[in-house]
Amino acid sequence: MSAEDLEKYETEMELSLYREYRDIVGQFNYVVETERRFYLANSVELIPHNVDGEIYFELRMSDSWVWDMYRPARFVKHVRVITFKDVNIEELDKPDLRLPE
């Protein structure tokens, strides 16, 4: 496999992943970003820990989807992340349900 073939494959995988994200984002309540991953989740709990002056975060999510094109299964029932880095949690806006005309 040439470098060009590999680049084309990765581009196609990223486009496929974006399309999957676009199709499912409405099913989730939160967008969560860590230094390593991007998640969609329906339940999020962020627990700060302070041990001997060192602060780290425990992030617990359930009913999640992981943005990772190399994972064979992106839907995850429970996720637990431990990090010393920033965590960004955003609640998704749910527009009112519109009935077809």
PDB file of N, CA and C in Angstrom:
ATOM      1  N   MET A   1       0.840  -1.165   0.000  1.00  0.00           N
ATOM      2  CA  MET A   1       0.000   0.000   0.000  1.00  0.00           C
ATOM      3  C   MET A   1       0.895   1.241   0.000  1.00  0.00           C
ATOM      4  N   SER A   2       0.646   2.125  -0.936  1.00  0.00           N
ATOM      5  CA  SER A   2       1.462   3.333  -1.033  1.00  0.00           C
ATOM      6  C   SER A   2       0.996   4.375  -0.012  1.00  0.00           C
ATOM      7  N   ALA A   3       1.815   5.390   0.183  1.00  0.00           N
ATOM      8  CA  ALA A   3       1.460   6.481   1.101  1.00  0.00           C
ATOM      9  C   ALA A   3       0.210   7.195   0.602  1.00  0.00           C
ATOM     10  N   GLU A   4       0.083   7.310  -0.694  1.00  0.00           N
ATOM     11  CA  GLU A   4      -1.101   7.952  -1.277  1.00  0.00           C
ATOM     12  C   GLU A   4      -2.363   7.124  -1.009  1.00  0.00           C
ATOM     13  N   ASP A   5      -2.252   5.802  -1.147  1.00  0.00           N
ATOM     14  CA  ASP A   5      -3.387   4.916  -0.862  1.00  0.00           C
ATOM     15  C   ASP A   5      -3.790   5.008   0.606  1.00  0.00           C
ATOM     16  N   LEU A   6      -2.811   5.062   1.486  1.00  0.00           N
ATOM     17  CA  LEU A   6      -3.083   5.156   2.919  1.00  0.00           C
ATOM     18  C   LEU A   6      -3.768   6.486   3.240  1.00  0.00           C
ATOM     19  N   GLU A   7      -3.290   7.551   2.647  1.00  0.00           N
ATOM     20  CA  GLU A   7      -3.901   8.865   2.878  1.00  0.00           C
ATOM     21  C   GLU A   7      -5.342   8.890   2.365  1.00  0.00           C
ATOM     22  N   LYS A   8      -5.582   8.304   1.215  1.00  0.00           N
ATOM     23  CA  LYS A   8      -6.939   8.242   0.654  1.00  0.00           C
ATOM     24  C   LYS A   8      -7.845   7.420   1.569  1.00  0.00           C
ATOM     25  N   TYR A   9      -7.351   6.292   2.056  1.00  0.00           N
ATOM     26  CA  TYR A   9      -8.124   5.445   2.970  1.00  0.00           C
ATOM     27  C   TYR A   9      -8.491   6.212   4.237  1.00  0.00           C
ATOM     28  N   GLU A  10      -7.527   6.912   4.838  1.00  0.00           N
ATOM     29  CA  GLU A  10      -7.794   7.669   6.064  1.00  0.00           C
ATOM     30  C   GLU A  10      -8.780   8.804   5.813  1.00  0.00           C
ATOM     31  N   THR A  11      -8.685   9.454   4.669  1.00  0.00           N
ATOM     32  CA  THR A  11      -9.628  10.519   4.328  1.00  0.00           C
ATOM     33  C   THR A  11     -11.039   9.967   4.202  1.00  0.00           C
ATOM     34  N   GLU A  12     -11.177   8.815   3.563  1.00  0.00           N
ATOM     35  CA  GLU A  12     -12.490   8.177   3.420  1.00  0.00           C
ATOM     36  C   GLU A  12     -13.050   7.748   4.778  1.00  0.00           C
ATOM     37  N   MET A  13     -12.178   7.245   5.647  1.00  0.00           N
ATOM     38  CA  MET A  13     -12.609   6.841   6.988  1.00  0.00           C
ATOM     39  C   MET A  13     -13.087   8.048   7.789  1.00  0.00           C
ATOM     40  N   GLU A  14     -12.369   9.161   7.714  1.00  0.00           N
ATOM     41  CA  GLU A  14     -12.768  10.369   8.443  1.00  0.00           C
ATOM     42  C   GLU A  14     -14.094  10.907   7.919  1.00  0.00           C
ATOM     43  N   LEU A  15     -14.299  10.877   6.626  1.00  0.00           N
ATOM     44  CA  LEU A  15     -15.561  11.331   6.052  1.00  0.00           C
ATOM     45  C   LEU A  15     -16.708  10.434   6.500  1.00  0.00           C
ATOM     46  N   SER A  16     -16.472   9.149   6.517  1.00  0.00           N
ATOM     47  CA  SER A  16     -17.476   8.198   6.997  1.00  0.00           C
ATOM     48  C   SER A  16     -17.804   8.435   8.469  1.00  0.00           C
ATOM     49  N   LEU A  17     -16.772   8.699   9.272  1.00  0.00           N
ATOM     50  CA  LEU A  17     -16.959   8.972  10.693  1.00  0.00           C
ATOM     51  C   LEU A  17     -17.758  10.260  10.889  1.00  0.00           C
ATOM     52  N   TYR A  18     -17.449  11.293  10.114  1.00  0.00           N
ATOM     53  CA  TYR A  18     -18.201  12.541  10.207  1.00  0.00           C
ATOM     54  C   TYR A  18     -19.671  12.312   9.868  1.00  0.00           C
ATOM     55  N   ARG A  19     -19.929  11.543   8.831  1.00  0.00           N
ATOM     56  CA  ARG A  19     -21.325  11.259   8.448  1.00  0.00           C
ATOM     57  C   ARG A  19     -22.055  10.501   9.552  1.00  0.00           C
ATOM     58  N   GLU A  20     -21.369   9.548  10.176  1.00  0.00           N
ATOM     59  CA  GLU A  20     -21.962   8.820  11.295  1.00  0.00           C
ATOM     60  C   GLU A  20     -22.279   9.788  12.439  1.00  0.00           C
ATOM     61  N   TYR A  21     -21.338  10.660  12.769  1.00  0.00           N
ATOM     62  CA  TYR A  21     -21.542  11.663  13.811  1.00  0.00           C
ATOM     63  C   TYR A  21     -22.760  12.521  13.493  1.00  0.00           C
ATOM     64  N   ARG A  22     -22.825  13.030  12.288  1.00  0.00           N
ATOM     65  CA  ARG A  22     -23.930  13.902  11.875  1.00  0.00           C
ATOM     66  C   ARG A  22     -25.283  13.197  12.010  1.00  0.00           C
ATOM     67  N   ASP A  23     -25.331  11.900  11.722  1.00  0.00           N
ATOM     68  CA  ASP A  23     -26.570  11.144  11.791  1.00  0.00           C
ATOM     69  C   ASP A  23     -27.011  10.838  13.212  1.00  0.00           C
ATOM     70  N   ILE A  24     -26.078  10.764  14.161  1.00  0.00           N
ATOM     71  CA  ILE A  24     -26.443  10.337  15.512  1.00  0.00           C
ATOM     72  C   ILE A  24     -26.373  11.421  16.575  1.00  0.00           C
ATOM     73  N   VAL A  25     -25.798  12.572  16.282  1.00  0.00           N
ATOM     74  CA  VAL A  25     -25.577  13.586  17.314  1.00  0.00           C
ATOM     75  C   VAL A  25     -26.873  13.970  18.025  1.00  0.00           C
ATOM     76  N   GLY A  26     -27.991  13.962  17.343  1.00  0.00           N
ATOM     77  CA  GLY A  26     -29.268  14.327  17.942  1.00  0.00           C
ATOM     78  C   GLY A  26     -29.765  13.367  19.006  1.00  0.00           C
ATOM     79  N   GLN A  27     -29.161  12.182  19.105  1.00  0.00           N
ATOM     80  CA  GLN A  27     -29.563  11.188  20.086  1.00  0.00           C
ATOM     81  C   GLN A  27     -28.868  11.372  21.435  1.00  0.00           C
ATOM     82  N   PHE A  28     -27.972  12.357  21.541  1.00  0.00           N
ATOM     83  CA  PHE A  28     -27.169  12.515  22.746  1.00  0.00           C
ATOM     84  C   PHE A  28     -27.406  13.872  23.400  1.00  0.00           C
ATOM     85  N   ASN A  29     -27.108  13.949  24.697  1.00  0.00           N
ATOM     86  CA  ASN A  29     -27.311  15.166  25.472  1.00  0.00           C
ATOM     87  C   ASN A  29     -26.047  16.006  25.629  1.00  0.00           C
ATOM     88  N   TYR A  30     -24.870  15.384  25.551  1.00  0.00           N
ATOM     89  CA  TYR A  30     -23.620  16.091  25.833  1.00  0.00           C
ATOM     90  C   TYR A  30     -22.561  15.801  24.782  1.00  0.00           C
ATOM     91  N   VAL A  31     -21.714  16.823  24.568  1.00  0.00           N
ATOM     92  CA  VAL A  31     -20.480  16.676  23.806  1.00  0.00           C
ATOM     93  C   VAL A  31     -19.358  16.818  24.825  1.00  0.00           C
ATOM     94  N   VAL A  32     -18.413  15.872  24.825  1.00  0.00           N
ATOM     95  CA  VAL A  32     -17.327  15.882  25.800  1.00  0.00           C
ATOM     96  C   VAL A  32     -16.003  15.774  25.045  1.00  0.00           C
ATOM     97  N   GLU A  33     -15.084  16.705  25.375  1.00  0.00           N
ATOM     98  CA  GLU A  33     -13.760  16.680  24.767  1.00  0.00           C
ATOM     99  C   GLU A  33     -12.717  16.504  25.860  1.00  0.00           C
ATOM    100  N   THR A  34     -11.826  15.553  25.635  1.00  0.00           N
ATOM    101  CA  THR A  34     -10.650  15.383  26.488  1.00  0.00           C
ATOM    102  C   THR A  34      -9.429  15.600  25.609  1.00  0.00           C
ATOM    103  N   GLU A  35      -8.246  15.500  26.180  1.00  0.00           N
ATOM    104  CA  GLU A  35      -7.047  15.713  25.367  1.00  0.00           C
ATOM    105  C   GLU A  35      -6.841  14.596  24.344  1.00  0.00           C
ATOM    106  N   ARG A  36      -7.486  13.464  24.541  1.00  0.00           N
ATOM    107  CA  ARG A  36      -7.264  12.331  23.638  1.00  0.00           C
ATOM    108  C   ARG A  36      -8.459  11.965  22.770  1.00  0.00           C
ATOM    109  N   ARG A  37      -9.683  12.268  23.229  1.00  0.00           N
ATOM    110  CA  ARG A  37     -10.860  11.792  22.518  1.00  0.00           C
ATOM    111  C   ARG A  37     -11.984  12.835  22.540  1.00  0.00           C
ATOM    112  N   PHE A  38     -12.954  12.570  21.678  1.00  0.00           N
ATOM    113  CA  PHE A  38     -14.173  13.358  21.569  1.00  0.00           C
ATOM    114  C   PHE A  38     -15.317  12.375  21.751  1.00  0.00           C
ATOM    115  N   TYR A  39     -16.274  12.696  22.612  1.00  0.00           N
ATOM    116  CA  TYR A  39     -17.380  11.789  22.923  1.00  0.00           C
ATOM    117  C   TYR A  39     -18.713  12.501  22.776  1.00  0.00           C
ATOM    118  N   LEU A  40     -19.730  11.718  22.484  1.00  0.00           N
ATOM    119  CA  LEU A  40     -21.114  12.114  22.668  1.00  0.00           C
ATOM    120  C   LEU A  40     -21.620  11.222  23.791  1.00  0.00           C
ATOM    121  N   ALA A  41     -22.433  11.767  24.694  1.00  0.00           N
ATOM    122  CA  ALA A  41     -22.900  10.960  25.826  1.00  0.00           C
ATOM    123  C   ALA A  41     -24.267  11.453  26.295  1.00  0.00           C
ATOM    124  N   ASN A  42     -24.997  10.569  26.932  1.00  0.00           N
ATOM    125  CA  ASN A  42     -26.280  10.938  27.513  1.00  0.00           C
ATOM    126  C   ASN A  42     -26.176  11.236  28.993  1.00  0.00           C
ATOM    127  N   SER A  43     -25.129  10.787  29.641  1.00  0.00           N
ATOM    128  CA  SER A  43     -24.916  11.049  31.055  1.00  0.00           C
ATOM    129  C   SER A  43     -23.429  11.308  31.265  1.00  0.00           C
ATOM    130  N   VAL A  44     -23.118  12.400  31.991  1.00  0.00           N
ATOM    131  CA  VAL A  44     -21.719  12.765  32.231  1.00  0.00           C
ATOM    132  C   VAL A  44     -21.560  13.171  33.688  1.00  0.00           C
ATOM    133  N   GLU A  45     -20.493  12.672  34.308  1.00  0.00           N
ATOM    134  CA  GLU A  45     -20.152  13.058  35.675  1.00  0.00           C
ATOM    135  C   GLU A  45     -18.657  13.349  35.708  1.00  0.00           C
ATOM    136  N   LEU A  46     -18.292  14.552  36.173  1.00  0.00           N
ATOM    137  CA  LEU A  46     -16.897  14.960  36.285  1.00  0.00           C
ATOM    138  C   LEU A  46     -16.552  15.072  37.770  1.00  0.00           C
ATOM    139  N   ILE A  47     -15.575  14.285  38.206  1.00  0.00           N
ATOM    140  CA  ILE A  47     -15.205  14.235  39.616  1.00  0.00           C
ATOM    141  C   ILE A  47     -13.753  14.678  39.762  1.00  0.00           C
ATOM    142  N   PRO A  48     -13.521  15.856  40.366  1.00  0.00           N
ATOM    143  CA  PRO A  48     -12.137  16.285  40.598  1.00  0.00           C
ATOM    144  C   PRO A  48     -11.556  15.552  41.805  1.00  0.00           C
ATOM    145  N   HIS A  49     -10.282  15.203  41.723  1.00  0.00           N
ATOM    146  CA  HIS A  49      -9.565  14.550  42.824  1.00  0.00           C
ATOM    147  C   HIS A  49      -8.317  15.370  43.137  1.00  0.00           C
ATOM    148  N   ASN A  50      -8.009  15.492  44.427  1.00  0.00           N
ATOM    149  CA  ASN A  50      -6.809  16.201  44.858  1.00  0.00           C
ATOM    150  C   ASN A  50      -6.043  15.263  45.777  1.00  0.00           C
ATOM    151  N   VAL A  51      -4.927  14.771  45.288  1.00  0.00           N
ATOM    152  CA  VAL A  51      -4.101  13.843  46.065  1.00  0.00           C
ATOM    153  C   VAL A  51      -2.722  14.476  46.228  1.00  0.00           C
ATOM    154  N   ASP A  52      -2.377  14.782  47.454  1.00  0.00           N
ATOM    155  CA  ASP A  52      -1.077  15.395  47.758  1.00  0.00           C
ATOM    156  C   ASP A  52      -0.807  16.635  46.902  1.00  0.00           C
ATOM    157  N   GLY A  53      -1.824  17.443  46.701  1.00  0.00           N
ATOM    158  CA  GLY A  53      -1.664  18.663  45.929  1.00  0.00           C
ATOM    159  C   GLY A  53      -1.742  18.483  44.422  1.00  0.00           C
ATOM    160  N   GLU A  54      -1.822  17.256  43.954  1.00  0.00           N
ATOM    161  CA  GLU A  54      -1.957  16.975  42.527  1.00  0.00           C
ATOM    162  C   GLU A  54      -3.446  16.814  42.205  1.00  0.00           C
ATOM    163  N   ILE A  55      -3.913  17.591  41.252  1.00  0.00           N
ATOM    164  CA  ILE A  55      -5.318  17.529  40.875  1.00  0.00           C
ATOM    165  C   ILE A  55      -5.456  16.750  39.577  1.00  0.00           C
ATOM    166  N   TYR A  56      -6.399  15.814  39.581  1.00  0.00           N
ATOM    167  CA  TYR A  56      -6.748  15.113  38.354  1.00  0.00           C
ATOM    168  C   TYR A  56      -8.259  14.944  38.318  1.00  0.00           C
ATOM    169  N   PHE A  57      -8.760  14.573  37.159  1.00  0.00           N
ATOM    170  CA  PHE A  57     -10.193  14.463  36.961  1.00  0.00           C
ATOM    171  C   PHE A  57     -10.568  13.042  36.575  1.00  0.00           C
ATOM    172  N   GLU A  58     -11.660  12.585  37.156  1.00  0.00           N
ATOM    173  CA  GLU A  58     -12.271  11.318  36.768  1.00  0.00           C
ATOM    174  C   GLU A  58     -13.553  11.675  36.032  1.00  0.00           C
ATOM    175  N   LEU A  59     -13.665  11.205  34.833  1.00  0.00           N
ATOM    176  CA  LEU A  59     -14.810  11.494  33.986  1.00  0.00           C
ATOM    177  C   LEU A  59     -15.554  10.194  33.749  1.00  0.00           C
ATOM    178  N   ARG A  60     -16.833  10.183  34.096  1.00  0.00           N
ATOM    179  CA  ARG A  60     -17.671   8.996  33.882  1.00  0.00           C
ATOM    180  C   ARG A  60     -18.795   9.353  32.925  1.00  0.00           C
ATOM    181  N   MET A  61     -18.960   8.530  31.908  1.00  0.00           N
ATOM    182  CA  MET A  61     -20.016   8.745  30.916  1.00  0.00           C
ATOM    183  C   MET A  61     -20.754   7.441  30.671  1.00  0.00           C
ATOM    184  N   SER A  62     -22.009   7.568  30.307  1.00  0.00           N
ATOM    185  CA  SER A  62     -22.755   6.369  29.928  1.00  0.00           C
ATOM    186  C   SER A  62     -23.532   6.639  28.647  1.00  0.00           C
ATOM    187  N   ASP A  63     -23.866   5.554  27.982  1.00  0.00           N
ATOM    188  CA  ASP A  63     -24.522   5.617  26.672  1.00  0.00           C
ATOM    189  C   ASP A  63     -23.776   6.598  25.781  1.00  0.00           C
ATOM    190  N   SER A  64     -22.570   6.218  25.410  1.00  0.00           N
ATOM    191  CA  SER A  64     -21.651   7.122  24.719  1.00  0.00           C
ATOM    192  C   SER A  64     -21.317   6.640  23.316  1.00  0.00           C
ATOM    193  N   TRP A  65     -20.813   7.580  22.545  1.00  0.00           N
ATOM    194  CA  TRP A  65     -20.266   7.331  21.220  1.00  0.00           C
ATOM    195  C   TRP A  65     -18.899   7.992  21.177  1.00  0.00           C
ATOM    196  N   VAL A  66     -17.899   7.288  20.654  1.00  0.00           N
ATOM    197  CA  VAL A  66     -16.518   7.767  20.650  1.00  0.00           C
ATOM    198  C   VAL A  66     -16.089   8.116  19.225  1.00  0.00           C
ATOM    199  N   TRP A  67     -15.532   9.327  19.070  1.00  0.00           N
ATOM    200  CA  TRP A  67     -15.001   9.728  17.771  1.00  0.00           C
ATOM    201  C   TRP A  67     -13.614   9.102  17.641  1.00  0.00           C
ATOM    202  N   ASP A  68     -13.537   7.974  17.004  1.00  0.00           N
ATOM    203  CA  ASP A  68     -12.262   7.283  16.802  1.00  0.00           C
ATOM    204  C   ASP A  68     -12.430   6.366  15.605  1.00  0.00           C
ATOM    205  N   MET A  69     -11.806   6.721  14.492  1.00  0.00           N
ATOM    206  CA  MET A  69     -12.020   5.945  13.273  1.00  0.00           C
ATOM    207  C   MET A  69     -11.375   4.566  13.313  1.00  0.00           C
ATOM    208  N   TYR A  70     -10.527   4.315  14.287  1.00  0.00           N
ATOM    209  CA  TYR A  70      -9.861   3.010  14.353  1.00  0.00           C
ATOM    210  C   TYR A  70     -10.572   2.031  15.274  1.00  0.00           C
ATOM    211  N   ARG A  71     -11.621   2.478  15.969  1.00  0.00           N
ATOM    212  CA  ARG A  71     -12.388   1.583  16.841  1.00  0.00           C
ATOM    213  C   ARG A  71     -13.405   0.828  16.009  1.00  0.00           C
ATOM    214  N   PRO A  72     -13.493  -0.477  16.164  1.00  0.00           N
ATOM    215  CA  PRO A  72     -14.514  -1.221  15.420  1.00  0.00           C
ATOM    216  C   PRO A  72     -15.918  -0.949  15.961  1.00  0.00           C
ATOM    217  N   ALA A  73     -16.033  -0.645  17.257  1.00  0.00           N
ATOM    218  CA  ALA A  73     -17.331  -0.348  17.867  1.00  0.00           C
ATOM    219  C   ALA A  73     -17.228   0.995  18.569  1.00  0.00           C
ATOM    220  N   ARG A  74     -17.968   1.977  18.067  1.00  0.00           N
ATOM    221  CA  ARG A  74     -17.880   3.315  18.646  1.00  0.00           C
ATOM    222  C   ARG A  74     -18.927   3.571  19.722  1.00  0.00           C
ATOM    223  N   PHE A  75     -19.969   2.764  19.791  1.00  0.00           N
ATOM    224  CA  PHE A  75     -20.968   2.915  20.843  1.00  0.00           C
ATOM    225  C   PHE A  75     -20.489   2.171  22.082  1.00  0.00           C
ATOM    226  N   VAL A  76     -20.497   2.876  23.222  1.00  0.00           N
ATOM    227  CA  VAL A  76     -19.963   2.317  24.461  1.00  0.00           C
ATOM    228  C   VAL A  76     -20.986   2.539  25.566  1.00  0.00           C
ATOM    229  N   LYS A  77     -21.266   1.505  26.350  1.00  0.00           N
ATOM    230  CA  LYS A  77     -22.242   1.613  27.438  1.00  0.00           C
ATOM    231  C   LYS A  77     -21.719   2.492  28.577  1.00  0.00           C
ATOM    232  N   HIS A  78     -20.503   2.247  29.022  1.00  0.00           N
ATOM    233  CA  HIS A  78     -19.897   3.029  30.104  1.00  0.00           C
ATOM    234  C   HIS A  78     -18.455   3.383  29.729  1.00  0.00           C
ATOM    235  N   VAL A  79     -18.064   4.632  30.024  1.00  0.00           N
ATOM    236  CA  VAL A  79     -16.705   5.087  29.776  1.00  0.00           C
ATOM    237  C   VAL A  79     -16.196   5.741  31.057  1.00  0.00           C
ATOM    238  N   ARG A  80     -14.950   5.460  31.391  1.00  0.00           N
ATOM    239  CA  ARG A  80     -14.294   6.103  32.541  1.00  0.00           C
ATOM    240  C   ARG A  80     -12.941   6.602  32.054  1.00  0.00           C
ATOM    241  N   VAL A  81     -12.702   7.895  32.225  1.00  0.00           N
ATOM    242  CA  VAL A  81     -11.462   8.524  31.788  1.00  0.00           C
ATOM    243  C   VAL A  81     -10.823   9.184  32.997  1.00  0.00           C
ATOM    244  N   ILE A  82      -9.527   8.986  33.168  1.00  0.00           N
ATOM    245  CA  ILE A  82      -8.743   9.667  34.191  1.00  0.00           C
ATOM    246  C   ILE A  82      -7.775  10.588  33.443  1.00  0.00           C
ATOM    247  N   THR A  83      -7.756  11.881  33.825  1.00  0.00           N
ATOM    248  CA  THR A  83      -6.906  12.820  33.102  1.00  0.00           C
ATOM    249  C   THR A  83      -6.412  13.931  34.026  1.00  0.00           C
ATOM    250  N   PHE A  84      -5.223  14.419  33.722  1.00  0.00           N
ATOM    251  CA  PHE A  84      -4.674  15.596  34.398  1.00  0.00           C
ATOM    252  C   PHE A  84      -4.924  16.853  33.556  1.00  0.00           C
ATOM    253  N   LYS A  85      -5.468  16.669  32.374  1.00  0.00           N
ATOM    254  CA  LYS A  85      -5.684  17.762  31.425  1.00  0.00           C
ATOM    255  C   LYS A  85      -7.110  18.301  31.530  1.00  0.00           C
ATOM    256  N   ASP A  86      -7.368  19.354  30.752  1.00  0.00           N
ATOM    257  CA  ASP A  86      -8.697  19.957  30.726  1.00  0.00           C
ATOM    258  C   ASP A  86      -9.732  19.006  30.141  1.00  0.00           C
ATOM    259  N   VAL A  87     -10.957  19.168  30.618  1.00  0.00           N
ATOM    260  CA  VAL A  87     -12.107  18.439  30.089  1.00  0.00           C
ATOM    261  C   VAL A  87     -13.164  19.482  29.750  1.00  0.00           C
ATOM    262  N   ASN A  88     -13.709  19.403  28.553  1.00  0.00           N
ATOM    263  CA  ASN A  88     -14.754  20.323  28.126  1.00  0.00           C
ATOM    264  C   ASN A  88     -16.055  19.541  27.982  1.00  0.00           C
ATOM    265  N   ILE A  89     -17.100  19.974  28.691  1.00  0.00           N
ATOM    266  CA  ILE A  89     -18.408  19.327  28.630  1.00  0.00           C
ATOM    267  C   ILE A  89     -19.415  20.374  28.194  1.00  0.00           C
ATOM    268  N   GLU A  90     -20.141  20.076  27.138  1.00  0.00           N
ATOM    269  CA  GLU A  90     -21.175  20.984  26.642  1.00  0.00           C
ATOM    270  C   GLU A  90     -22.486  20.231  26.529  1.00  0.00           C
ATOM    271  N   GLU A  91     -23.541  20.855  27.017  1.00  0.00           N
ATOM    272  CA  GLU A  91     -24.868  20.265  26.857  1.00  0.00           C
ATOM    273  C   GLU A  91     -25.400  20.687  25.496  1.00  0.00           C
ATOM    274  N   LEU A  92     -25.864  19.713  24.736  1.00  0.00           N
ATOM    275  CA  LEU A  92     -26.380  20.000  23.399  1.00  0.00           C
ATOM    276  C   LEU A  92     -27.754  20.644  23.485  1.00  0.00           C
ATOM    277  N   ASP A  93     -27.994  21.593  22.627  1.00  0.00           N
ATOM    278  CA  ASP A  93     -29.292  22.242  22.537  1.00  0.00           C
ATOM    279  C   ASP A  93     -30.230  21.317  21.780  1.00  0.00           C
ATOM    280  N   LYS A  94     -31.382  21.070  22.360  1.00  0.00           N
ATOM    281  CA  LYS A  94     -32.379  20.212  21.713  1.00  0.00           C
ATOM    282  C   LYS A  94     -33.500  21.102  21.182  1.00  0.00           C
ATOM    283  N   PRO A  95     -33.492  21.375  19.882  1.00  0.00           N
ATOM    284  CA  PRO A  95     -34.587  22.199  19.350  1.00  0.00           C
ATOM    285  C   PRO A  95     -35.922  21.474  19.522  1.00  0.00           C
ATOM    286  N   ASP A  96     -36.976  22.262  19.610  1.00  0.00           N
ATOM    287  CA  ASP A  96     -38.300  21.673  19.758  1.00  0.00           C
ATOM    288  C   ASP A  96     -38.579  20.708  18.624  1.00  0.00           C
ATOM    289  N   LEU A  97     -39.286  19.666  18.955  1.00  0.00           N
ATOM    290  CA  LEU A  97     -39.660  18.673  17.955  1.00  0.00           C
ATOM    291  C   LEU A  97     -40.600  19.307  16.955  1.00  0.00           C
ATOM    292  N   ARG A  98     -40.288  19.160  15.704  1.00  0.00           N
ATOM    293  CA  ARG A  98     -41.141  19.711  14.647  1.00  0.00           C
ATOM    294  C   ARG A  98     -41.826  18.573  13.915  1.00  0.00           C
ATOM    295  N   LEU A  99     -43.117  18.716  13.791  1.00  0.00           N
ATOM    296  CA  LEU A  99     -43.900  17.715  13.077  1.00  0.00           C
ATOM    297  C   LEU A  99     -43.883  18.029  11.582  1.00  0.00           C
ATOM    298  N   PRO A 100     -43.872  16.995  10.754  1.00  0.00           N
ATOM    299  CA  PRO A 100     -43.881  17.234   9.307  1.00  0.00           C
ATOM    300  C   PRO A 100     -45.166  17.950   8.901  1.00  0.00           C
ATOM    301  N   GLU A 101     -45.037  18.816   7.922  1.00  0.00           N
ATOM    302  CA  GLU A 101     -46.220  19.563   7.442  1.00  0.00           C
ATOM    303  C   GLU A 101     -47.018  18.762   6.462  1.00  0.00           C
TER     304      GLU A 101
END
